[in-house]
Amino acid sequence: MCSERIASHCVCCGDTDLKTSPAVLMPFVAKRVFGHEPVMITSDWGIRDLQLGMAYSICNSMQCGNCGALFMDLRFSDVEMAKLYEGYRDEEYTCLRDFYEPGYRATNEFYSGRSSYISTIEAFLSPRVPATPVLLDWGGDNGINTPLKDSAFTVHIYDISNKPALSGALAVDMSIVRSTNYDLIVCSQVLEHVPFPKALLGEIVSVMSRETQLYLEVPYEALMRAHAGSKEIYKAKRHWHEHINFFSEESLLTMLEQTGLQLVEIRAIPLSLGWRDSCVMSILCRRA
């Protein structure tokens, strides 16, 4: 299942009860991953059986009838993921995205520093973890938004970007991850991006001890909040961007159980990001 190009199993629970609806892959992602650009089909093409108009890269929205997870059917390869996230939010990335999505550059400035909402997450974590934890941020970029970074005894960053870590943190490879005993592993705003989130969780579990706590954070997407519990959301999801997985609470809990994790606490935390309101699902768990 972890090598599927087009999903035939739920990426959270593995079930095959999937409902689908046509959607499009947004032009910026299609360009970065596949080199595809929108194209205008005109009468000059001389193709009898195509309607005239703008053509975009197509895909399907899929929803699992078992756990309610909503996701895009296309599953990117490692090479394609590298193309999409190489130089994430650098000048080349920003120029291309601003071309397809005018106004993105201004929005990107919001992400240039530490996000204001991290203090909310730290308030959630502080009473629940050691005062000075040995901490790993899995997928933490350069550590800019690593929670508890200033109070942790050790901060390791494991990220495919291979960016140098900020002061107070250390970028590490898997050999160091496997040889370190962590009090806390953070995987924040990652699972919504990756093609096989359950497999990634399995990798994280493999480096956890019985004492390690795992903090997971994913966006609680507005569409999922507005139709909580519904298995018909796929009909309303018409486009896909960087977030290729939308999680319900049920899908998250099912994925935890199937990867050998035990829930400690789960909360939906509303956030104000300055330019828009949002919500994240915050999950604390440990090995079962």
C-alpha atoms as a PDB file:
ATOM      1  CA  MET A   1       0.000   0.000   0.000  1.00  0.00           C
ATOM      2  CA  CYS A   2       2.870   2.387   0.749  1.00  0.00           C
ATOM      3  CA  SER A   3       3.972   2.469  -2.899  1.00  0.00           C
ATOM      4  CA  GLU A   4       0.595   3.184  -4.484  1.00  0.00           C
ATOM      5  CA  ARG A   5       0.523   5.938  -7.091  1.00  0.00           C
ATOM      6  CA  ILE A   6      -3.269   6.119  -6.951  1.00  0.00           C
ATOM      7  CA  ALA A   7      -4.657   5.245  -3.532  1.00  0.00           C
ATOM      8  CA  SER A   8      -6.799   2.136  -3.371  1.00  0.00           C
ATOM      9  CA  HIS A   9      -6.656   1.946   0.444  1.00  0.00           C
ATOM     10  CA  CYS A  10      -7.300   4.559   3.098  1.00  0.00           C
ATOM     11  CA  VAL A  11      -4.021   6.282   4.015  1.00  0.00           C
ATOM     12  CA  CYS A  12      -5.045   6.306   7.692  1.00  0.00           C
ATOM     13  CA  CYS A  13      -6.670   2.933   8.387  1.00  0.00           C
ATOM     14  CA  GLY A  14      -6.033   0.856   5.234  1.00  0.00           C
ATOM     15  CA  ASP A  15      -9.721   0.227   4.525  1.00  0.00           C
ATOM     16  CA  THR A  16     -10.845  -0.152   0.892  1.00  0.00           C
ATOM     17  CA  ASP A  17     -14.299   1.430   1.339  1.00  0.00           C
ATOM     18  CA  LEU A  18     -13.457   4.636  -0.534  1.00  0.00           C
ATOM     19  CA  LYS A  19     -15.818   7.141  -2.136  1.00  0.00           C
ATOM     20  CA  THR A  20     -14.537   9.495  -4.822  1.00  0.00           C
ATOM     21  CA  SER A  21     -15.404  12.783  -6.480  1.00  0.00           C
ATOM     22  CA  PRO A  22     -13.559  14.676  -9.281  1.00  0.00           C
ATOM     23  CA  ALA A  23     -11.210  17.472  -8.240  1.00  0.00           C
ATOM     24  CA  VAL A  24      -8.220  19.453  -9.547  1.00  0.00           C
ATOM     25  CA  LEU A  25      -4.635  19.744  -8.369  1.00  0.00           C
ATOM     26  CA  MET A  26      -3.832  23.414  -7.893  1.00  0.00           C
ATOM     27  CA  PRO A  27      -1.508  24.793 -10.611  1.00  0.00           C
ATOM     28  CA  PHE A  28       1.395  25.687  -8.334  1.00  0.00           C
ATOM     29  CA  VAL A  29       1.664  22.131  -6.977  1.00  0.00           C
ATOM     30  CA  ALA A  30       1.154  20.604 -10.436  1.00  0.00           C
ATOM     31  CA  LYS A  31       3.975  22.762 -11.792  1.00  0.00           C
ATOM     32  CA  ARG A  32       6.404  21.989  -8.957  1.00  0.00           C
ATOM     33  CA  VAL A  33       5.711  18.249  -8.925  1.00  0.00           C
ATOM     34  CA  PHE A  34       4.928  17.322 -12.519  1.00  0.00           C
ATOM     35  CA  GLY A  35       5.913  20.370 -14.586  1.00  0.00           C
ATOM     36  CA  HIS A  36       2.271  20.683 -15.666  1.00  0.00           C
ATOM     37  CA  GLU A  37       0.781  24.078 -16.455  1.00  0.00           C
ATOM     38  CA  PRO A  38      -2.851  25.038 -17.083  1.00  0.00           C
ATOM     39  CA  VAL A  39      -3.582  25.108 -20.790  1.00  0.00           C
ATOM     40  CA  MET A  40      -6.336  26.692 -22.863  1.00  0.00           C
ATOM     41  CA  ILE A  41      -7.929  24.251 -25.301  1.00  0.00           C
ATOM     42  CA  THR A  42      -8.952  26.240 -28.372  1.00  0.00           C
ATOM     43  CA  SER A  43     -10.541  25.420 -31.704  1.00  0.00           C
ATOM     44  CA  ASP A  44      -7.039  25.559 -33.228  1.00  0.00           C
ATOM     45  CA  TRP A  45      -6.290  22.231 -31.546  1.00  0.00           C
ATOM     46  CA  GLY A  46      -8.729  20.583 -33.942  1.00  0.00           C
ATOM     47  CA  ILE A  47      -9.765  17.951 -31.399  1.00  0.00           C
ATOM     48  CA  ARG A  48     -13.348  16.977 -32.005  1.00  0.00           C
ATOM     49  CA  ASP A  49     -14.127  15.301 -28.695  1.00  0.00           C
ATOM     50  CA  LEU A  50     -12.786  17.901 -26.233  1.00  0.00           C
ATOM     51  CA  GLN A  51     -14.759  20.901 -25.048  1.00  0.00           C
ATOM     52  CA  LEU A  52     -13.002  24.243 -25.402  1.00  0.00           C
ATOM     53  CA  GLY A  53     -11.735  25.962 -22.266  1.00  0.00           C
ATOM     54  CA  MET A  54      -9.045  25.912 -19.586  1.00  0.00           C
ATOM     55  CA  ALA A  55      -7.641  22.497 -18.641  1.00  0.00           C
ATOM     56  CA  TYR A  56      -6.052  21.786 -15.258  1.00  0.00           C
ATOM     57  CA  SER A  57      -4.365  18.748 -13.736  1.00  0.00           C
ATOM     58  CA  ILE A  58      -7.119  16.487 -12.481  1.00  0.00           C
ATOM     59  CA  CYS A  59      -7.328  14.175  -9.492  1.00  0.00           C
ATOM     60  CA  ASN A  60      -9.981  12.732  -7.203  1.00  0.00           C
ATOM     61  CA  SER A  61     -11.091  13.525  -3.681  1.00  0.00           C
ATOM     62  CA  MET A  62     -11.368  10.321  -1.663  1.00  0.00           C
ATOM     63  CA  GLN A  63     -13.042   9.676   1.673  1.00  0.00           C
ATOM     64  CA  CYS A  64     -12.815   6.543   3.746  1.00  0.00           C
ATOM     65  CA  GLY A  65     -16.149   5.025   4.694  1.00  0.00           C
ATOM     66  CA  ASN A  66     -14.551   3.469   7.763  1.00  0.00           C
ATOM     67  CA  CYS A  67     -12.621   6.265   9.534  1.00  0.00           C
ATOM     68  CA  GLY A  68     -13.734   9.364   7.600  1.00  0.00           C
ATOM     69  CA  ALA A  69     -10.282  10.478   6.428  1.00  0.00           C
ATOM     70  CA  LEU A  70     -10.411  12.740   3.357  1.00  0.00           C
ATOM     71  CA  PHE A  71      -7.476  12.750   0.953  1.00  0.00           C
ATOM     72  CA  MET A  72      -6.346  13.216  -2.638  1.00  0.00           C
ATOM     73  CA  ASP A  73      -6.040  10.015  -4.642  1.00  0.00           C
ATOM     74  CA  LEU A  74      -2.605  10.944  -6.078  1.00  0.00           C
ATOM     75  CA  ARG A  75       0.223   9.831  -3.792  1.00  0.00           C
ATOM     76  CA  PHE A  76       3.513  11.610  -4.463  1.00  0.00           C
ATOM     77  CA  SER A  77       6.785   9.675  -4.674  1.00  0.00           C
ATOM     78  CA  ASP A  78       9.887  10.593  -2.671  1.00  0.00           C
ATOM     79  CA  VAL A  79      11.318  12.334  -5.744  1.00  0.00           C
ATOM     80  CA  GLU A  80       8.122  14.313  -6.254  1.00  0.00           C
ATOM     81  CA  MET A  81       7.989  15.281  -2.574  1.00  0.00           C
ATOM     82  CA  ALA A  82      11.559  16.552  -2.877  1.00  0.00           C
ATOM     83  CA  LYS A  83      10.579  18.650  -5.904  1.00  0.00           C
ATOM     84  CA  LEU A  84       7.622  20.147  -4.068  1.00  0.00           C
ATOM     85  CA  TYR A  85       9.496  21.061  -0.881  1.00  0.00           C
ATOM     86  CA  GLU A  86      12.985  21.848  -2.142  1.00  0.00           C
ATOM     87  CA  GLY A  87      13.862  25.370  -1.026  1.00  0.00           C
ATOM     88  CA  TYR A  88      10.552  25.613   0.813  1.00  0.00           C
ATOM     89  CA  ARG A  89       9.472  29.276   0.922  1.00  0.00           C
ATOM     90  CA  ASP A  90      12.777  30.520  -0.492  1.00  0.00           C
ATOM     91  CA  GLU A  91      12.844  33.157  -3.238  1.00  0.00           C
ATOM     92  CA  GLU A  92      12.391  30.750  -6.159  1.00  0.00           C
ATOM     93  CA  TYR A  93       9.540  28.947  -4.405  1.00  0.00           C
ATOM     94  CA  THR A  94       7.894  32.243  -3.445  1.00  0.00           C
ATOM     95  CA  CYS A  95       8.169  33.758  -6.945  1.00  0.00           C
ATOM     96  CA  LEU A  96       6.566  30.736  -8.604  1.00  0.00           C
ATOM     97  CA  ARG A  97       3.793  30.462  -6.048  1.00  0.00           C
ATOM     98  CA  ASP A  98       3.078  34.180  -6.166  1.00  0.00           C
ATOM     99  CA  PHE A  99       2.784  33.887  -9.974  1.00  0.00           C
ATOM    100  CA  TYR A 100       0.046  31.251  -9.653  1.00  0.00           C
ATOM    101  CA  GLU A 101      -1.415  32.634  -6.426  1.00  0.00           C
ATOM    102  CA  PRO A 102      -1.057  36.441  -6.455  1.00  0.00           C
ATOM    103  CA  GLY A 103      -0.649  37.744  -2.917  1.00  0.00           C
ATOM    104  CA  TYR A 104       1.244  34.715  -1.636  1.00  0.00           C
ATOM    105  CA  ARG A 105       4.455  36.709  -1.133  1.00  0.00           C
ATOM    106  CA  ALA A 106       2.734  38.988   1.361  1.00  0.00           C
ATOM    107  CA  THR A 107       1.234  35.996   3.152  1.00  0.00           C
ATOM    108  CA  ASN A 108       4.637  34.280   3.201  1.00  0.00           C
ATOM    109  CA  GLU A 109       6.064  37.128   5.259  1.00  0.00           C
ATOM    110  CA  PHE A 110       3.827  35.948   8.096  1.00  0.00           C
ATOM    111  CA  TYR A 111       5.800  32.689   8.211  1.00  0.00           C
ATOM    112  CA  SER A 112       9.253  34.298   8.258  1.00  0.00           C
ATOM    113  CA  GLY A 113       9.432  34.322  12.062  1.00  0.00           C
ATOM    114  CA  ARG A 114       8.244  32.176  14.922  1.00  0.00           C
ATOM    115  CA  SER A 115       4.459  31.727  14.763  1.00  0.00           C
ATOM    116  CA  SER A 116       2.607  33.457  17.562  1.00  0.00           C
ATOM    117  CA  TYR A 117       0.435  30.407  18.216  1.00  0.00           C
ATOM    118  CA  ILE A 118       3.389  28.301  19.402  1.00  0.00           C
ATOM    119  CA  SER A 119       2.974  29.782  22.876  1.00  0.00           C
ATOM    120  CA  THR A 120      -0.528  28.238  22.940  1.00  0.00           C
ATOM    121  CA  ILE A 121       0.938  24.830  22.111  1.00  0.00           C
ATOM    122  CA  GLU A 122       3.641  25.254  24.747  1.00  0.00           C
ATOM    123  CA  ALA A 123       0.941  25.989  27.319  1.00  0.00           C
ATOM    124  CA  PHE A 124      -0.710  22.690  26.323  1.00  0.00           C
ATOM    125  CA  LEU A 125       2.535  20.701  26.524  1.00  0.00           C
ATOM    126  CA  SER A 126       4.342  22.190  29.525  1.00  0.00           C
ATOM    127  CA  PRO A 127       2.259  20.544  32.294  1.00  0.00           C
ATOM    128  CA  ARG A 128       2.362  17.188  30.502  1.00  0.00           C
ATOM    129  CA  VAL A 129       6.072  16.661  29.767  1.00  0.00           C
ATOM    130  CA  PRO A 130       9.346  16.896  31.751  1.00  0.00           C
ATOM    131  CA  ALA A 131      10.458  20.440  32.575  1.00  0.00           C
ATOM    132  CA  THR A 132      13.653  20.187  30.490  1.00  0.00           C
ATOM    133  CA  PRO A 133      12.956  17.442  27.948  1.00  0.00           C
ATOM    134  CA  VAL A 134      15.302  15.806  25.491  1.00  0.00           C
ATOM    135  CA  LEU A 135      13.296  16.736  22.409  1.00  0.00           C
ATOM    136  CA  LEU A 136      13.156  15.670  18.752  1.00  0.00           C
ATOM    137  CA  ASP A 137      11.213  17.745  16.230  1.00  0.00           C
ATOM    138  CA  TRP A 138      10.442  15.368  13.339  1.00  0.00           C
ATOM    139  CA  GLY A 139       9.851  17.500  10.239  1.00  0.00           C
ATOM    140  CA  GLY A 140      10.689  20.684  12.143  1.00  0.00           C
ATOM    141  CA  ASP A 141      12.354  22.626   9.294  1.00  0.00           C
ATOM    142  CA  ASN A 142      15.115  24.665  10.981  1.00  0.00           C
ATOM    143  CA  GLY A 143      13.473  24.699  14.403  1.00  0.00           C
ATOM    144  CA  ILE A 144      11.755  28.050  14.003  1.00  0.00           C
ATOM    145  CA  ASN A 145       8.473  26.684  15.369  1.00  0.00           C
ATOM    146  CA  THR A 146       9.722  23.920  17.652  1.00  0.00           C
ATOM    147  CA  PRO A 147       7.674  24.131  20.860  1.00  0.00           C
ATOM    148  CA  LEU A 148       9.591  24.194  24.165  1.00  0.00           C
ATOM    149  CA  LYS A 149      12.832  24.897  22.282  1.00  0.00           C
ATOM    150  CA  ASP A 150      14.007  27.410  24.867  1.00  0.00           C
ATOM    151  CA  SER A 151      13.351  25.168  27.871  1.00  0.00           C
ATOM    152  CA  ALA A 152      14.442  21.803  26.459  1.00  0.00           C
ATOM    153  CA  PHE A 153      17.723  20.208  27.579  1.00  0.00           C
ATOM    154  CA  THR A 154      18.413  18.974  24.025  1.00  0.00           C
ATOM    155  CA  VAL A 155      16.682  19.901  20.749  1.00  0.00           C
ATOM    156  CA  HIS A 156      17.227  17.721  17.685  1.00  0.00           C
ATOM    157  CA  ILE A 157      15.676  18.503  14.292  1.00  0.00           C
ATOM    158  CA  TYR A 158      15.095  15.738  11.759  1.00  0.00           C
ATOM    159  CA  ASP A 159      13.879  17.143   8.442  1.00  0.00           C
ATOM    160  CA  ILE A 160      14.160  16.250   4.741  1.00  0.00           C
ATOM    161  CA  SER A 161      15.043  19.877   3.921  1.00  0.00           C
ATOM    162  CA  ASN A 162      18.513  19.438   5.488  1.00  0.00           C
ATOM    163  CA  LYS A 163      18.453  23.104   6.504  1.00  0.00           C
ATOM    164  CA  PRO A 164      20.923  24.244   9.165  1.00  0.00           C
ATOM    165  CA  ALA A 165      19.205  24.382  12.544  1.00  0.00           C
ATOM    166  CA  LEU A 166      18.769  27.627  14.422  1.00  0.00           C
ATOM    167  CA  SER A 167      20.815  28.400  17.486  1.00  0.00           C
ATOM    168  CA  GLY A 168      19.864  26.112  20.361  1.00  0.00           C
ATOM    169  CA  ALA A 169      18.975  23.206  18.084  1.00  0.00           C
ATOM    170  CA  LEU A 170      20.915  20.582  16.131  1.00  0.00           C
ATOM    171  CA  ALA A 171      19.990  19.084  12.749  1.00  0.00           C
ATOM    172  CA  VAL A 172      20.474  15.310  12.986  1.00  0.00           C
ATOM    173  CA  ASP A 173      20.307  12.243  10.767  1.00  0.00           C
ATOM    174  CA  MET A 174      18.507   8.978  11.452  1.00  0.00           C
ATOM    175  CA  SER A 175      21.560   7.349  13.043  1.00  0.00           C
ATOM    176  CA  ILE A 176      21.539   9.969  15.802  1.00  0.00           C
ATOM    177  CA  VAL A 177      17.745   9.755  16.138  1.00  0.00           C
ATOM    178  CA  ARG A 178      17.940   5.988  16.668  1.00  0.00           C
ATOM    179  CA  SER A 179      20.707   6.280  19.259  1.00  0.00           C
ATOM    180  CA  THR A 180      19.030   8.981  21.391  1.00  0.00           C
ATOM    181  CA  ASN A 181      16.462   8.473  24.132  1.00  0.00           C
ATOM    182  CA  TYR A 182      13.867  11.228  23.775  1.00  0.00           C
ATOM    183  CA  ASP A 183      11.434  12.442  26.400  1.00  0.00           C
ATOM    184  CA  LEU A 184       9.323  14.137  23.737  1.00  0.00           C
ATOM    185  CA  ILE A 185       9.007  13.795  19.978  1.00  0.00           C
ATOM    186  CA  VAL A 186       7.119  16.517  18.136  1.00  0.00           C
ATOM    187  CA  CYS A 187       5.588  15.944  14.699  1.00  0.00           C
ATOM    188  CA  SER A 188       3.736  19.156  13.970  1.00  0.00           C
ATOM    189  CA  GLN A 189       2.057  20.193  10.704  1.00  0.00           C
ATOM    190  CA  VAL A 190       3.643  17.251   8.846  1.00  0.00           C
ATOM    191  CA  LEU A 191       1.118  14.426   8.452  1.00  0.00           C
ATOM    192  CA  GLU A 192      -1.171  16.495   6.229  1.00  0.00           C
ATOM    193  CA  HIS A 193       1.657  16.838   3.671  1.00  0.00           C
ATOM    194  CA  VAL A 194       2.984  13.293   3.370  1.00  0.00           C
ATOM    195  CA  PRO A 195       1.664  10.590   1.006  1.00  0.00           C
ATOM    196  CA  PHE A 196       1.578   7.816   3.619  1.00  0.00           C
ATOM    197  CA  PRO A 197       0.939   9.287   7.085  1.00  0.00           C
ATOM    198  CA  LYS A 198       0.397   5.933   8.792  1.00  0.00           C
ATOM    199  CA  ALA A 199       3.751   4.673   7.522  1.00  0.00           C
ATOM    200  CA  LEU A 200       5.439   7.829   8.817  1.00  0.00           C
ATOM    201  CA  LEU A 201       3.857   7.308  12.228  1.00  0.00           C
ATOM    202  CA  GLY A 202       5.219   3.766  12.186  1.00  0.00           C
ATOM    203  CA  GLU A 203       8.737   5.148  11.601  1.00  0.00           C
ATOM    204  CA  ILE A 204       8.351   7.496  14.555  1.00  0.00           C
ATOM    205  CA  VAL A 205       7.066   4.726  16.815  1.00  0.00           C
ATOM    206  CA  SER A 206      10.136   2.655  15.941  1.00  0.00           C
ATOM    207  CA  VAL A 207      12.429   5.216  17.635  1.00  0.00           C
ATOM    208  CA  MET A 208      10.233   5.758  20.711  1.00  0.00           C
ATOM    209  CA  SER A 209      10.892   4.184  24.094  1.00  0.00           C
ATOM    210  CA  ARG A 210       8.138   3.332  26.545  1.00  0.00           C
ATOM    211  CA  GLU A 211       8.796   6.648  28.284  1.00  0.00           C
ATOM    212  CA  THR A 212       8.747   8.807  25.143  1.00  0.00           C
ATOM    213  CA  GLN A 213       5.726  11.003  24.617  1.00  0.00           C
ATOM    214  CA  LEU A 214       4.707  11.958  21.082  1.00  0.00           C
ATOM    215  CA  TYR A 215       3.027  15.256  20.278  1.00  0.00           C
ATOM    216  CA  LEU A 216       1.159  15.259  16.960  1.00  0.00           C
ATOM    217  CA  GLU A 217      -0.404  18.337  15.441  1.00  0.00           C
ATOM    218  CA  VAL A 218      -2.450  18.581  12.256  1.00  0.00           C
ATOM    219  CA  PRO A 219      -4.751  21.269  10.922  1.00  0.00           C
ATOM    220  CA  TYR A 220      -8.361  20.683  11.822  1.00  0.00           C
ATOM    221  CA  GLU A 221      -9.481  21.861   8.419  1.00  0.00           C
ATOM    222  CA  ALA A 222     -12.553  24.108   8.204  1.00  0.00           C
ATOM    223  CA  LEU A 223     -14.272  21.629   5.885  1.00  0.00           C
ATOM    224  CA  MET A 224     -13.830  18.827   8.416  1.00  0.00           C
ATOM    225  CA  ARG A 225     -15.015  21.000  11.312  1.00  0.00           C
ATOM    226  CA  ALA A 226     -18.097  22.138   9.418  1.00  0.00           C
ATOM    227  CA  HIS A 227     -19.134  18.540   8.654  1.00  0.00           C
ATOM    228  CA  ALA A 228     -17.747  16.665  11.662  1.00  0.00           C
ATOM    229  CA  GLY A 229     -18.634  12.978  11.522  1.00  0.00           C
ATOM    230  CA  SER A 230     -19.917  13.093   7.940  1.00  0.00           C
ATOM    231  CA  LYS A 231     -18.755  10.500   5.397  1.00  0.00           C
ATOM    232  CA  GLU A 232     -19.985  12.660   2.505  1.00  0.00           C
ATOM    233  CA  ILE A 233     -17.393  15.454   2.703  1.00  0.00           C
ATOM    234  CA  TYR A 234     -15.600  14.223  -0.422  1.00  0.00           C
ATOM    235  CA  LYS A 235     -18.402  15.699  -2.545  1.00  0.00           C
ATOM    236  CA  ALA A 236     -17.478  19.223  -1.412  1.00  0.00           C
ATOM    237  CA  LYS A 237     -13.688  18.981  -1.809  1.00  0.00           C
ATOM    238  CA  ARG A 238     -12.941  20.252  -5.315  1.00  0.00           C
ATOM    239  CA  HIS A 239      -9.251  21.184  -5.171  1.00  0.00           C
ATOM    240  CA  TRP A 240      -6.021  20.015  -3.544  1.00  0.00           C
ATOM    241  CA  HIS A 241      -2.874  21.897  -2.636  1.00  0.00           C
ATOM    242  CA  GLU A 242       0.015  21.099  -0.253  1.00  0.00           C
ATOM    243  CA  HIS A 243      -2.290  19.530   2.303  1.00  0.00           C
ATOM    244  CA  ILE A 244      -3.155  16.232   0.635  1.00  0.00           C
ATOM    245  CA  ASN A 245      -4.712  14.675   3.759  1.00  0.00           C
ATOM    246  CA  PHE A 246      -7.604  16.084   5.824  1.00  0.00           C
ATOM    247  CA  PHE A 247      -8.078  14.331   9.163  1.00  0.00           C
ATOM    248  CA  SER A 248     -11.152  13.655  11.247  1.00  0.00           C
ATOM    249  CA  GLU A 249     -10.762  12.865  14.932  1.00  0.00           C
ATOM    250  CA  GLU A 250     -11.866   9.308  14.178  1.00  0.00           C
ATOM    251  CA  SER A 251      -9.222   8.867  11.491  1.00  0.00           C
ATOM    252  CA  LEU A 252      -6.480  10.113  13.808  1.00  0.00           C
ATOM    253  CA  LEU A 253      -7.506   7.822  16.658  1.00  0.00           C
ATOM    254  CA  THR A 254      -7.745   4.836  14.297  1.00  0.00           C
ATOM    255  CA  MET A 255      -4.283   5.579  12.921  1.00  0.00           C
ATOM    256  CA  LEU A 256      -2.839   5.800  16.449  1.00  0.00           C
ATOM    257  CA  GLU A 257      -4.304   2.430  17.373  1.00  0.00           C
ATOM    258  CA  GLN A 258      -3.040   0.740  14.218  1.00  0.00           C
ATOM    259  CA  THR A 259       0.515   2.030  14.701  1.00  0.00           C
ATOM    260  CA  GLY A 260       0.791   0.889  18.319  1.00  0.00           C
ATOM    261  CA  LEU A 261       0.145   4.217  20.017  1.00  0.00           C
ATOM    262  CA  GLN A 262      -2.035   4.954  23.019  1.00  0.00           C
ATOM    263  CA  LEU A 263      -3.869   8.250  23.324  1.00  0.00           C
ATOM    264  CA  VAL A 264      -3.032  10.404  26.333  1.00  0.00           C
ATOM    265  CA  GLU A 265      -5.025  13.481  25.347  1.00  0.00           C
ATOM    266  CA  ILE A 266      -6.569  15.074  22.264  1.00  0.00           C
ATOM    267  CA  ARG A 267      -7.814  18.628  21.911  1.00  0.00           C
ATOM    268  CA  ALA A 268      -9.067  20.864  19.123  1.00  0.00           C
ATOM    269  CA  ILE A 269      -7.326  24.193  19.760  1.00  0.00           C
ATOM    270  CA  PRO A 270      -8.658  27.298  17.977  1.00  0.00           C
ATOM    271  CA  LEU A 271      -5.964  29.683  16.780  1.00  0.00           C
ATOM    272  CA  SER A 272      -5.729  33.221  15.508  1.00  0.00           C
ATOM    273  CA  LEU A 273      -2.932  33.397  12.951  1.00  0.00           C
ATOM    274  CA  GLY A 274      -3.108  37.152  12.511  1.00  0.00           C
ATOM    275  CA  TRP A 275      -4.478  37.088   8.987  1.00  0.00           C
ATOM    276  CA  ARG A 276      -7.016  34.296   9.484  1.00  0.00           C
ATOM    277  CA  ASP A 277      -8.546  32.121  12.173  1.00  0.00           C
ATOM    278  CA  SER A 278      -7.737  28.442  12.206  1.00  0.00           C
ATOM    279  CA  CYS A 279      -7.817  25.347  14.377  1.00  0.00           C
ATOM    280  CA  VAL A 280      -5.414  22.498  15.048  1.00  0.00           C
ATOM    281  CA  MET A 281      -5.892  19.025  16.446  1.00  0.00           C
ATOM    282  CA  SER A 282      -3.347  18.543  19.230  1.00  0.00           C
ATOM    283  CA  ILE A 283      -2.654  14.957  20.246  1.00  0.00           C
ATOM    284  CA  LEU A 284      -0.400  13.633  22.982  1.00  0.00           C
ATOM    285  CA  CYS A 285       0.269   9.901  22.929  1.00  0.00           C
ATOM    286  CA  ARG A 286       2.765   7.200  23.889  1.00  0.00           C
ATOM    287  CA  ARG A 287       3.533   3.623  22.889  1.00  0.00           C
ATOM    288  CA  ALA A 288       0.794   1.202  23.875  1.00  0.00           C
END
